[in-house]
Amino acid sequence: MSESFTDTVKMIIKKIPKGKIASYGQIAALAGSPRAARQVVRILHSSSRKDKLPWHRVINSKGGISLKPGNGYELQKSLLEDEGVKFGLRDIVDFKRFLWSPRIKK
């Protein structure tokens, strides 16, 4: 039996190491649906707490935090900074330095 997209996304998110970030689109692509970034957002929103996902390590494709100030933004930034992720101008993360590059099994 093959895993569902949701289960695959959760498994991928759990593998993001401390001090690294991934984008919603990157996770969708790794899960086999490159155009399903919004589904990744939905999965994070509905499953982060109950599945203990490291939700804070997932950011948008521009290198920024998608949550709004006063609605989780500060917590996500603080959690990432605690792991050593640095923010530049306009609170953008340098993908070249902090993007997670998993090894894909063939």
PDB file of N, CA and C in Angstrom:
ATOM      1  N   MET A   1       0.841  -1.179   0.000  1.00  0.00           N
ATOM      2  CA  MET A   1       0.000   0.000   0.000  1.00  0.00           C
ATOM      3  C   MET A   1       0.887   1.245   0.000  1.00  0.00           C
ATOM      4  N   SER A   2       0.599   2.165  -0.878  1.00  0.00           N
ATOM      5  CA  SER A   2       1.416   3.372  -0.939  1.00  0.00           C
ATOM      6  C   SER A   2       0.933   4.396   0.094  1.00  0.00           C
ATOM      7  N   GLU A   3       1.849   5.249   0.496  1.00  0.00           N
ATOM      8  CA  GLU A   3       1.518   6.278   1.483  1.00  0.00           C
ATOM      9  C   GLU A   3       0.711   7.387   0.831  1.00  0.00           C
ATOM     10  N   SER A   4      -0.129   8.028   1.612  1.00  0.00           N
ATOM     11  CA  SER A   4      -0.882   9.166   1.103  1.00  0.00           C
ATOM     12  C   SER A   4       0.044  10.380   0.994  1.00  0.00           C
ATOM     13  N   PHE A   5      -0.388  11.353   0.220  1.00  0.00           N
ATOM     14  CA  PHE A   5       0.379  12.589   0.085  1.00  0.00           C
ATOM     15  C   PHE A   5       0.573  13.216   1.465  1.00  0.00           C
ATOM     16  N   THR A   6      -0.479  13.228   2.272  1.00  0.00           N
ATOM     17  CA  THR A   6      -0.397  13.819   3.610  1.00  0.00           C
ATOM     18  C   THR A   6       0.647  13.120   4.460  1.00  0.00           C
ATOM     19  N   ASP A   7       0.633  11.801   4.456  1.00  0.00           N
ATOM     20  CA  ASP A   7       1.613  11.050   5.248  1.00  0.00           C
ATOM     21  C   ASP A   7       3.030  11.300   4.755  1.00  0.00           C
ATOM     22  N   THR A   8       3.194  11.379   3.449  1.00  0.00           N
ATOM     23  CA  THR A   8       4.520  11.638   2.879  1.00  0.00           C
ATOM     24  C   THR A   8       5.016  13.022   3.275  1.00  0.00           C
ATOM     25  N   VAL A   9       4.135  14.009   3.213  1.00  0.00           N
ATOM     26  CA  VAL A   9       4.506  15.377   3.604  1.00  0.00           C
ATOM     27  C   VAL A   9       4.934  15.407   5.072  1.00  0.00           C
ATOM     28  N   LYS A  10       4.182  14.762   5.935  1.00  0.00           N
ATOM     29  CA  LYS A  10       4.530  14.741   7.360  1.00  0.00           C
ATOM     30  C   LYS A  10       5.891  14.084   7.576  1.00  0.00           C
ATOM     31  N   MET A  11       6.145  12.989   6.880  1.00  0.00           N
ATOM     32  CA  MET A  11       7.424  12.289   7.008  1.00  0.00           C
ATOM     33  C   MET A  11       8.584  13.195   6.568  1.00  0.00           C
ATOM     34  N   ILE A  12       8.386  13.911   5.467  1.00  0.00           N
ATOM     35  CA  ILE A  12       9.426  14.805   4.957  1.00  0.00           C
ATOM     36  C   ILE A  12       9.690  15.932   5.948  1.00  0.00           C
ATOM     37  N   ILE A  13       8.641  16.551   6.453  1.00  0.00           N
ATOM     38  CA  ILE A  13       8.799  17.662   7.397  1.00  0.00           C
ATOM     39  C   ILE A  13       9.544  17.207   8.651  1.00  0.00           C
ATOM     40  N   LYS A  14       9.264  16.014   9.124  1.00  0.00           N
ATOM     41  CA  LYS A  14       9.943  15.492  10.318  1.00  0.00           C
ATOM     42  C   LYS A  14      11.439  15.297  10.089  1.00  0.00           C
ATOM     43  N   LYS A  15      11.849  15.179   8.838  1.00  0.00           N
ATOM     44  CA  LYS A  15      13.260  14.953   8.529  1.00  0.00           C
ATOM     45  C   LYS A  15      14.070  16.238   8.397  1.00  0.00           C
ATOM     46  N   ILE A  16      13.418  17.394   8.374  1.00  0.00           N
ATOM     47  CA  ILE A  16      14.160  18.653   8.244  1.00  0.00           C
ATOM     48  C   ILE A  16      14.986  18.833   9.509  1.00  0.00           C
ATOM     49  N   PRO A  17      16.322  18.904   9.373  1.00  0.00           N
ATOM     50  CA  PRO A  17      17.157  18.999  10.576  1.00  0.00           C
ATOM     51  C   PRO A  17      17.130  20.388  11.215  1.00  0.00           C
ATOM     52  N   LYS A  18      17.485  20.430  12.486  1.00  0.00           N
ATOM     53  CA  LYS A  18      17.611  21.712  13.186  1.00  0.00           C
ATOM     54  C   LYS A  18      18.592  22.591  12.431  1.00  0.00           C
ATOM     55  N   GLY A  19      18.276  23.882  12.368  1.00  0.00           N
ATOM     56  CA  GLY A  19      19.163  24.829  11.714  1.00  0.00           C
ATOM     57  C   GLY A  19      19.002  24.886  10.206  1.00  0.00           C
ATOM     58  N   LYS A  20      18.040  24.153   9.666  1.00  0.00           N
ATOM     59  CA  LYS A  20      17.772  24.165   8.230  1.00  0.00           C
ATOM     60  C   LYS A  20      16.314  24.521   8.002  1.00  0.00           C
ATOM     61  N   ILE A  21      16.008  24.986   6.794  1.00  0.00           N
ATOM     62  CA  ILE A  21      14.641  25.334   6.430  1.00  0.00           C
ATOM     63  C   ILE A  21      14.310  24.673   5.096  1.00  0.00           C
ATOM     64  N   ALA A  22      13.025  24.574   4.832  1.00  0.00           N
ATOM     65  CA  ALA A  22      12.525  24.085   3.549  1.00  0.00           C
ATOM     66  C   ALA A  22      11.347  24.968   3.166  1.00  0.00           C
ATOM     67  N   SER A  23      11.045  25.028   1.877  1.00  0.00           N
ATOM     68  CA  SER A  23       9.890  25.803   1.441  1.00  0.00           C
ATOM     69  C   SER A  23       8.694  24.867   1.264  1.00  0.00           C
ATOM     70  N   TYR A  24       7.514  25.457   1.292  1.00  0.00           N
ATOM     71  CA  TYR A  24       6.296  24.678   1.085  1.00  0.00           C
ATOM     72  C   TYR A  24       6.363  23.948  -0.258  1.00  0.00           C
ATOM     73  N   GLY A  25       6.794  24.658  -1.297  1.00  0.00           N
ATOM     74  CA  GLY A  25       6.888  24.064  -2.626  1.00  0.00           C
ATOM     75  C   GLY A  25       7.918  22.955  -2.706  1.00  0.00           C
ATOM     76  N   GLN A  26       9.028  23.122  -2.022  1.00  0.00           N
ATOM     77  CA  GLN A  26      10.062  22.087  -1.999  1.00  0.00           C
ATOM     78  C   GLN A  26       9.502  20.808  -1.383  1.00  0.00           C
ATOM     79  N   ILE A  27       8.776  20.942  -0.300  1.00  0.00           N
ATOM     80  CA  ILE A  27       8.196  19.773   0.357  1.00  0.00           C
ATOM     81  C   ILE A  27       7.164  19.113  -0.553  1.00  0.00           C
ATOM     82  N   ALA A  28       6.340  19.922  -1.195  1.00  0.00           N
ATOM     83  CA  ALA A  28       5.342  19.376  -2.126  1.00  0.00           C
ATOM     84  C   ALA A  28       6.026  18.589  -3.241  1.00  0.00           C
ATOM     85  N   ALA A  29       7.097  19.155  -3.795  1.00  0.00           N
ATOM     86  CA  ALA A  29       7.825  18.477  -4.876  1.00  0.00           C
ATOM     87  C   ALA A  29       8.446  17.171  -4.381  1.00  0.00           C
ATOM     88  N   LEU A  30       9.062  17.201  -3.204  1.00  0.00           N
ATOM     89  CA  LEU A  30       9.656  15.985  -2.643  1.00  0.00           C
ATOM     90  C   LEU A  30       8.595  14.913  -2.386  1.00  0.00           C
ATOM     91  N   ALA A  31       7.367  15.344  -2.113  1.00  0.00           N
ATOM     92  CA  ALA A  31       6.270  14.413  -1.852  1.00  0.00           C
ATOM     93  C   ALA A  31       5.603  13.943  -3.139  1.00  0.00           C
ATOM     94  N   GLY A  32       6.083  14.448  -4.281  1.00  0.00           N
ATOM     95  CA  GLY A  32       5.565  13.980  -5.559  1.00  0.00           C
ATOM     96  C   GLY A  32       4.528  14.855  -6.226  1.00  0.00           C
ATOM     97  N   SER A  33       4.216  16.016  -5.657  1.00  0.00           N
ATOM     98  CA  SER A  33       3.230  16.937  -6.235  1.00  0.00           C
ATOM     99  C   SER A  33       3.764  18.357  -6.207  1.00  0.00           C
ATOM    100  N   PRO A  34       4.611  18.703  -7.182  1.00  0.00           N
ATOM    101  CA  PRO A  34       5.281  20.007  -7.151  1.00  0.00           C
ATOM    102  C   PRO A  34       4.360  21.230  -7.103  1.00  0.00           C
ATOM    103  N   ARG A  35       3.109  21.067  -7.487  1.00  0.00           N
ATOM    104  CA  ARG A  35       2.191  22.215  -7.490  1.00  0.00           C
ATOM    105  C   ARG A  35       1.282  22.246  -6.262  1.00  0.00           C
ATOM    106  N   ALA A  36       1.602  21.470  -5.251  1.00  0.00           N
ATOM    107  CA  ALA A  36       0.717  21.332  -4.089  1.00  0.00           C
ATOM    108  C   ALA A  36       1.218  22.062  -2.842  1.00  0.00           C
ATOM    109  N   ALA A  37       1.893  23.199  -3.028  1.00  0.00           N
ATOM    110  CA  ALA A  37       2.412  23.944  -1.875  1.00  0.00           C
ATOM    111  C   ALA A  37       1.302  24.331  -0.905  1.00  0.00           C
ATOM    112  N   ARG A  38       0.135  24.700  -1.434  1.00  0.00           N
ATOM    113  CA  ARG A  38      -0.970  25.086  -0.540  1.00  0.00           C
ATOM    114  C   ARG A  38      -1.481  23.901   0.273  1.00  0.00           C
ATOM    115  N   GLN A  39      -1.386  22.706  -0.281  1.00  0.00           N
ATOM    116  CA  GLN A  39      -1.758  21.515   0.480  1.00  0.00           C
ATOM    117  C   GLN A  39      -0.789  21.310   1.639  1.00  0.00           C
ATOM    118  N   VAL A  40       0.485  21.613   1.416  1.00  0.00           N
ATOM    119  CA  VAL A  40       1.482  21.510   2.486  1.00  0.00           C
ATOM    120  C   VAL A  40       1.114  22.481   3.604  1.00  0.00           C
ATOM    121  N   VAL A  41       0.706  23.678   3.244  1.00  0.00           N
ATOM    122  CA  VAL A  41       0.269  24.659   4.243  1.00  0.00           C
ATOM    123  C   VAL A  41      -0.901  24.090   5.049  1.00  0.00           C
ATOM    124  N   ARG A  42      -1.866  23.513   4.360  1.00  0.00           N
ATOM    125  CA  ARG A  42      -3.040  22.944   5.025  1.00  0.00           C
ATOM    126  C   ARG A  42      -2.641  21.819   5.985  1.00  0.00           C
ATOM    127  N   ILE A  43      -1.746  20.952   5.528  1.00  0.00           N
ATOM    128  CA  ILE A  43      -1.282  19.843   6.372  1.00  0.00           C
ATOM    129  C   ILE A  43      -0.573  20.373   7.613  1.00  0.00           C
ATOM    130  N   LEU A  44       0.285  21.365   7.425  1.00  0.00           N
ATOM    131  CA  LEU A  44       0.972  21.954   8.583  1.00  0.00           C
ATOM    132  C   LEU A  44      -0.028  22.556   9.562  1.00  0.00           C
ATOM    133  N   HIS A  45      -0.995  23.272   9.025  1.00  0.00           N
ATOM    134  CA  HIS A  45      -1.979  23.933   9.878  1.00  0.00           C
ATOM    135  C   HIS A  45      -2.785  22.918  10.688  1.00  0.00           C
ATOM    136  N   SER A  46      -3.155  21.826  10.061  1.00  0.00           N
ATOM    137  CA  SER A  46      -4.027  20.862  10.732  1.00  0.00           C
ATOM    138  C   SER A  46      -3.278  19.806  11.545  1.00  0.00           C
ATOM    139  N   SER A  47      -1.996  19.594  11.272  1.00  0.00           N
ATOM    140  CA  SER A  47      -1.305  18.455  11.875  1.00  0.00           C
ATOM    141  C   SER A  47      -0.084  18.783  12.721  1.00  0.00           C
ATOM    142  N   SER A  48       0.390  20.004  12.696  1.00  0.00           N
ATOM    143  CA  SER A  48       1.652  20.325  13.374  1.00  0.00           C
ATOM    144  C   SER A  48       1.661  19.951  14.838  1.00  0.00           C
ATOM    145  N   ARG A  49       0.629  20.330  15.541  1.00  0.00           N
ATOM    146  CA  ARG A  49       0.598  20.082  16.984  1.00  0.00           C
ATOM    147  C   ARG A  49       0.422  18.596  17.282  1.00  0.00           C
ATOM    148  N   LYS A  50      -0.599  17.970  16.696  1.00  0.00           N
ATOM    149  CA  LYS A  50      -0.883  16.570  17.057  1.00  0.00           C
ATOM    150  C   LYS A  50       0.211  15.617  16.592  1.00  0.00           C
ATOM    151  N   ASP A  51       0.901  15.938  15.489  1.00  0.00           N
ATOM    152  CA  ASP A  51       1.967  15.062  14.983  1.00  0.00           C
ATOM    153  C   ASP A  51       3.362  15.553  15.362  1.00  0.00           C
ATOM    154  N   LYS A  52       3.421  16.608  16.182  1.00  0.00           N
ATOM    155  CA  LYS A  52       4.691  17.176  16.645  1.00  0.00           C
ATOM    156  C   LYS A  52       5.654  17.455  15.487  1.00  0.00           C
ATOM    157  N   LEU A  53       5.125  18.137  14.464  1.00  0.00           N
ATOM    158  CA  LEU A  53       5.938  18.486  13.298  1.00  0.00           C
ATOM    159  C   LEU A  53       6.773  19.731  13.601  1.00  0.00           C
ATOM    160  N   PRO A  54       8.004  19.790  13.097  1.00  0.00           N
ATOM    161  CA  PRO A  54       8.810  21.005  13.250  1.00  0.00           C
ATOM    162  C   PRO A  54       8.348  22.066  12.237  1.00  0.00           C
ATOM    163  N   TRP A  55       7.128  22.515  12.407  1.00  0.00           N
ATOM    164  CA  TRP A  55       6.457  23.426  11.476  1.00  0.00           C
ATOM    165  C   TRP A  55       7.250  24.699  11.216  1.00  0.00           C
ATOM    166  N   HIS A  56       7.990  25.133  12.226  1.00  0.00           N
ATOM    167  CA  HIS A  56       8.709  26.407  12.121  1.00  0.00           C
ATOM    168  C   HIS A  56       9.820  26.365  11.075  1.00  0.00           C
ATOM    169  N   ARG A  57      10.232  25.187  10.640  1.00  0.00           N
ATOM    170  CA  ARG A  57      11.310  25.056   9.654  1.00  0.00           C
ATOM    171  C   ARG A  57      10.813  25.174   8.217  1.00  0.00           C
ATOM    172  N   VAL A  58       9.532  25.413   8.031  1.00  0.00           N
ATOM    173  CA  VAL A  58       8.961  25.532   6.690  1.00  0.00           C
ATOM    174  C   VAL A  58       8.577  26.994   6.453  1.00  0.00           C
ATOM    175  N   ILE A  59       9.153  27.568   5.392  1.00  0.00           N
ATOM    176  CA  ILE A  59       8.917  28.981   5.072  1.00  0.00           C
ATOM    177  C   ILE A  59       8.506  29.108   3.610  1.00  0.00           C
ATOM    178  N   ASN A  60       8.241  30.318   3.174  1.00  0.00           N
ATOM    179  CA  ASN A  60       7.789  30.491   1.792  1.00  0.00           C
ATOM    180  C   ASN A  60       8.957  30.508   0.801  1.00  0.00           C
ATOM    181  N   SER A  61       8.624  30.497  -0.465  1.00  0.00           N
ATOM    182  CA  SER A  61       9.635  30.387  -1.530  1.00  0.00           C
ATOM    183  C   SER A  61      10.504  31.626  -1.672  1.00  0.00           C
ATOM    184  N   LYS A  62      10.127  32.712  -1.009  1.00  0.00           N
ATOM    185  CA  LYS A  62      10.938  33.937  -1.042  1.00  0.00           C
ATOM    186  C   LYS A  62      11.927  33.974   0.114  1.00  0.00           C
ATOM    187  N   GLY A  63      11.864  32.963   0.982  1.00  0.00           N
ATOM    188  CA  GLY A  63      12.762  32.913   2.128  1.00  0.00           C
ATOM    189  C   GLY A  63      12.209  33.599   3.351  1.00  0.00           C
ATOM    190  N   GLY A  64      10.908  33.871   3.346  1.00  0.00           N
ATOM    191  CA  GLY A  64      10.304  34.567   4.468  1.00  0.00           C
ATOM    192  C   GLY A  64       9.284  33.734   5.215  1.00  0.00           C
ATOM    193  N   ILE A  65       8.878  34.255   6.345  1.00  0.00           N
ATOM    194  CA  ILE A  65       7.849  33.636   7.171  1.00  0.00           C
ATOM    195  C   ILE A  65       6.494  34.116   6.663  1.00  0.00           C
ATOM    196  N   SER A  66       5.592  33.177   6.431  1.00  0.00           N
ATOM    197  CA  SER A  66       4.279  33.534   5.890  1.00  0.00           C
ATOM    198  C   SER A  66       3.280  33.967   6.952  1.00  0.00           C
ATOM    199  N   LEU A  67       3.517  33.573   8.194  1.00  0.00           N
ATOM    200  CA  LEU A  67       2.603  33.974   9.265  1.00  0.00           C
ATOM    201  C   LEU A  67       2.691  35.480   9.486  1.00  0.00           C
ATOM    202  N   LYS A  68       1.593  36.061   9.895  1.00  0.00           N
ATOM    203  CA  LYS A  68       1.529  37.506  10.120  1.00  0.00           C
ATOM    204  C   LYS A  68       2.033  37.866  11.514  1.00  0.00           C
ATOM    205  N   PRO A  69       2.619  39.075  11.654  1.00  0.00           N
ATOM    206  CA  PRO A  69       3.003  39.545  12.989  1.00  0.00           C
ATOM    207  C   PRO A  69       1.804  39.504  13.937  1.00  0.00           C
ATOM    208  N   GLY A  70       2.046  39.014  15.146  1.00  0.00           N
ATOM    209  CA  GLY A  70       0.981  38.878  16.118  1.00  0.00           C
ATOM    210  C   GLY A  70       0.169  37.601  15.955  1.00  0.00           C
ATOM    211  N   ASN A  71       0.491  36.824  14.921  1.00  0.00           N
ATOM    212  CA  ASN A  71      -0.260  35.598  14.647  1.00  0.00           C
ATOM    213  C   ASN A  71       0.685  34.430  14.376  1.00  0.00           C
ATOM    214  N   GLY A  72       1.793  34.381  15.115  1.00  0.00           N
ATOM    215  CA  GLY A  72       2.734  33.281  14.989  1.00  0.00           C
ATOM    216  C   GLY A  72       4.072  33.656  14.375  1.00  0.00           C
ATOM    217  N   TYR A  73       4.146  34.814  13.741  1.00  0.00           N
ATOM    218  CA  TYR A  73       5.380  35.258  13.079  1.00  0.00           C
ATOM    219  C   TYR A  73       6.561  35.296  14.049  1.00  0.00           C
ATOM    220  N   GLU A  74       6.353  35.960  15.180  1.00  0.00           N
ATOM    221  CA  GLU A  74       7.437  36.140  16.142  1.00  0.00           C
ATOM    222  C   GLU A  74       7.908  34.804  16.718  1.00  0.00           C
ATOM    223  N   LEU A  75       6.967  33.905  16.989  1.00  0.00           N
ATOM    224  CA  LEU A  75       7.323  32.589  17.522  1.00  0.00           C
ATOM    225  C   LEU A  75       8.147  31.810  16.497  1.00  0.00           C
ATOM    226  N   GLN A  76       7.714  31.803  15.240  1.00  0.00           N
ATOM    227  CA  GLN A  76       8.449  31.065  14.218  1.00  0.00           C
ATOM    228  C   GLN A  76       9.858  31.632  14.042  1.00  0.00           C
ATOM    229  N   LYS A  77       9.971  32.941  13.995  1.00  0.00           N
ATOM    230  CA  LYS A  77      11.288  33.559  13.838  1.00  0.00           C
ATOM    231  C   LYS A  77      12.182  33.222  15.029  1.00  0.00           C
ATOM    232  N   SER A  78      11.641  33.300  16.230  1.00  0.00           N
ATOM    233  CA  SER A  78      12.406  32.998  17.430  1.00  0.00           C
ATOM    234  C   SER A  78      12.876  31.544  17.449  1.00  0.00           C
ATOM    235  N   LEU A  79      12.000  30.614  17.092  1.00  0.00           N
ATOM    236  CA  LEU A  79      12.372  29.192  17.055  1.00  0.00           C
ATOM    237  C   LEU A  79      13.493  28.941  16.049  1.00  0.00           C
ATOM    238  N   LEU A  80      13.403  29.585  14.892  1.00  0.00           N
ATOM    239  CA  LEU A  80      14.448  29.422  13.878  1.00  0.00           C
ATOM    240  C   LEU A  80      15.764  30.040  14.357  1.00  0.00           C
ATOM    241  N   GLU A  81      15.702  31.232  14.934  1.00  0.00           N
ATOM    242  CA  GLU A  81      16.922  31.864  15.435  1.00  0.00           C
ATOM    243  C   GLU A  81      17.565  31.030  16.532  1.00  0.00           C
ATOM    244  N   ASP A  82      16.750  30.406  17.379  1.00  0.00           N
ATOM    245  CA  ASP A  82      17.276  29.535  18.439  1.00  0.00           C
ATOM    246  C   ASP A  82      18.048  28.351  17.861  1.00  0.00           C
ATOM    247  N   GLU A  83      17.716  27.967  16.634  1.00  0.00           N
ATOM    248  CA  GLU A  83      18.406  26.857  15.959  1.00  0.00           C
ATOM    249  C   GLU A  83      19.586  27.337  15.116  1.00  0.00           C
ATOM    250  N   GLY A  84      19.830  28.646  15.124  1.00  0.00           N
ATOM    251  CA  GLY A  84      20.973  29.185  14.398  1.00  0.00           C
ATOM    252  C   GLY A  84      20.679  29.735  13.019  1.00  0.00           C
ATOM    253  N   VAL A  85      19.409  29.751  12.624  1.00  0.00           N
ATOM    254  CA  VAL A  85      19.034  30.316  11.329  1.00  0.00           C
ATOM    255  C   VAL A  85      19.091  31.831  11.438  1.00  0.00           C
ATOM    256  N   LYS A  86      19.786  32.455  10.496  1.00  0.00           N
ATOM    257  CA  LYS A  86      19.953  33.911  10.501  1.00  0.00           C
ATOM    258  C   LYS A  86      19.014  34.553   9.484  1.00  0.00           C
ATOM    259  N   PHE A  87      18.496  35.697   9.842  1.00  0.00           N
ATOM    260  CA  PHE A  87      17.624  36.468   8.962  1.00  0.00           C
ATOM    261  C   PHE A  87      18.367  37.698   8.472  1.00  0.00           C
ATOM    262  N   GLY A  88      18.184  38.020   7.208  1.00  0.00           N
ATOM    263  CA  GLY A  88      18.799  39.195   6.615  1.00  0.00           C
ATOM    264  C   GLY A  88      17.796  40.328   6.509  1.00  0.00           C
ATOM    265  N   LEU A  89      18.023  41.185   5.532  1.00  0.00           N
ATOM    266  CA  LEU A  89      17.123  42.311   5.296  1.00  0.00           C
ATOM    267  C   LEU A  89      15.706  41.828   5.077  1.00  0.00           C
ATOM    268  N   ARG A  90      14.745  42.565   5.608  1.00  0.00           N
ATOM    269  CA  ARG A  90      13.326  42.237   5.508  1.00  0.00           C
ATOM    270  C   ARG A  90      13.009  40.839   6.035  1.00  0.00           C
ATOM    271  N   ASP A  91      13.836  40.364   6.964  1.00  0.00           N
ATOM    272  CA  ASP A  91      13.638  39.044   7.585  1.00  0.00           C
ATOM    273  C   ASP A  91      13.595  37.898   6.578  1.00  0.00           C
ATOM    274  N   ILE A  92      14.504  37.954   5.618  1.00  0.00           N
ATOM    275  CA  ILE A  92      14.619  36.897   4.605  1.00  0.00           C
ATOM    276  C   ILE A  92      15.779  35.977   4.978  1.00  0.00           C
ATOM    277  N   VAL A  93      15.547  34.668   4.852  1.00  0.00           N
ATOM    278  CA  VAL A  93      16.572  33.662   5.130  1.00  0.00           C
ATOM    279  C   VAL A  93      17.345  33.372   3.842  1.00  0.00           C
ATOM    280  N   ASP A  94      18.647  33.249   3.949  1.00  0.00           N
ATOM    281  CA  ASP A  94      19.509  32.932   2.810  1.00  0.00           C
ATOM    282  C   ASP A  94      19.373  31.443   2.473  1.00  0.00           C
ATOM    283  N   PHE A  95      18.683  31.157   1.371  1.00  0.00           N
ATOM    284  CA  PHE A  95      18.489  29.759   0.966  1.00  0.00           C
ATOM    285  C   PHE A  95      19.814  29.052   0.718  1.00  0.00           C
ATOM    286  N   LYS A  96      20.782  29.742   0.162  1.00  0.00           N
ATOM    287  CA  LYS A  96      22.065  29.094  -0.135  1.00  0.00           C
ATOM    288  C   LYS A  96      22.721  28.560   1.134  1.00  0.00           C
ATOM    289  N   ARG A  97      22.487  29.237   2.220  1.00  0.00           N
ATOM    290  CA  ARG A  97      23.126  28.861   3.486  1.00  0.00           C
ATOM    291  C   ARG A  97      22.280  27.911   4.334  1.00  0.00           C
ATOM    292  N   PHE A  98      20.976  28.091   4.336  1.00  0.00           N
ATOM    293  CA  PHE A  98      20.135  27.368   5.285  1.00  0.00           C
ATOM    294  C   PHE A  98      19.142  26.379   4.670  1.00  0.00           C
ATOM    295  N   LEU A  99      19.036  26.337   3.350  1.00  0.00           N
ATOM    296  CA  LEU A  99      18.075  25.423   2.723  1.00  0.00           C
ATOM    297  C   LEU A  99      18.500  23.974   2.918  1.00  0.00           C
ATOM    298  N   TRP A 100      17.562  23.161   3.335  1.00  0.00           N
ATOM    299  CA  TRP A 100      17.786  21.725   3.509  1.00  0.00           C
ATOM    300  C   TRP A 100      17.831  21.066   2.144  1.00  0.00           C
ATOM    301  N   SER A 101      18.851  20.271   1.923  1.00  0.00           N
ATOM    302  CA  SER A 101      19.001  19.523   0.673  1.00  0.00           C
ATOM    303  C   SER A 101      19.041  18.032   1.000  1.00  0.00           C
ATOM    304  N   PRO A 102      17.863  17.412   1.038  1.00  0.00           N
ATOM    305  CA  PRO A 102      17.853  15.994   1.406  1.00  0.00           C
ATOM    306  C   PRO A 102      18.423  15.113   0.298  1.00  0.00           C
ATOM    307  N   ARG A 103      18.944  13.989   0.703  1.00  0.00           N
ATOM    308  CA  ARG A 103      19.385  12.999  -0.262  1.00  0.00           C
ATOM    309  C   ARG A 103      18.162  12.185  -0.669  1.00  0.00           C
ATOM    310  N   ILE A 104      17.948  12.118  -1.944  1.00  0.00           N
ATOM    311  CA  ILE A 104      16.769  11.407  -2.454  1.00  0.00           C
ATOM    312  C   ILE A 104      17.154   9.962  -2.752  1.00  0.00           C
ATOM    313  N   LYS A 105      16.392   9.028  -2.210  1.00  0.00           N
ATOM    314  CA  LYS A 105      16.618   7.605  -2.507  1.00  0.00           C
ATOM    315  C   LYS A 105      16.025   7.296  -3.863  1.00  0.00           C
ATOM    316  N   LYS A 106      16.769   6.590  -4.678  1.00  0.00           N
ATOM    317  CA  LYS A 106      16.264   6.220  -6.017  1.00  0.00           C
ATOM    318  C   LYS A 106      15.855   4.783  -6.045  1.00  0.00           C
TER     319      LYS A 106
END
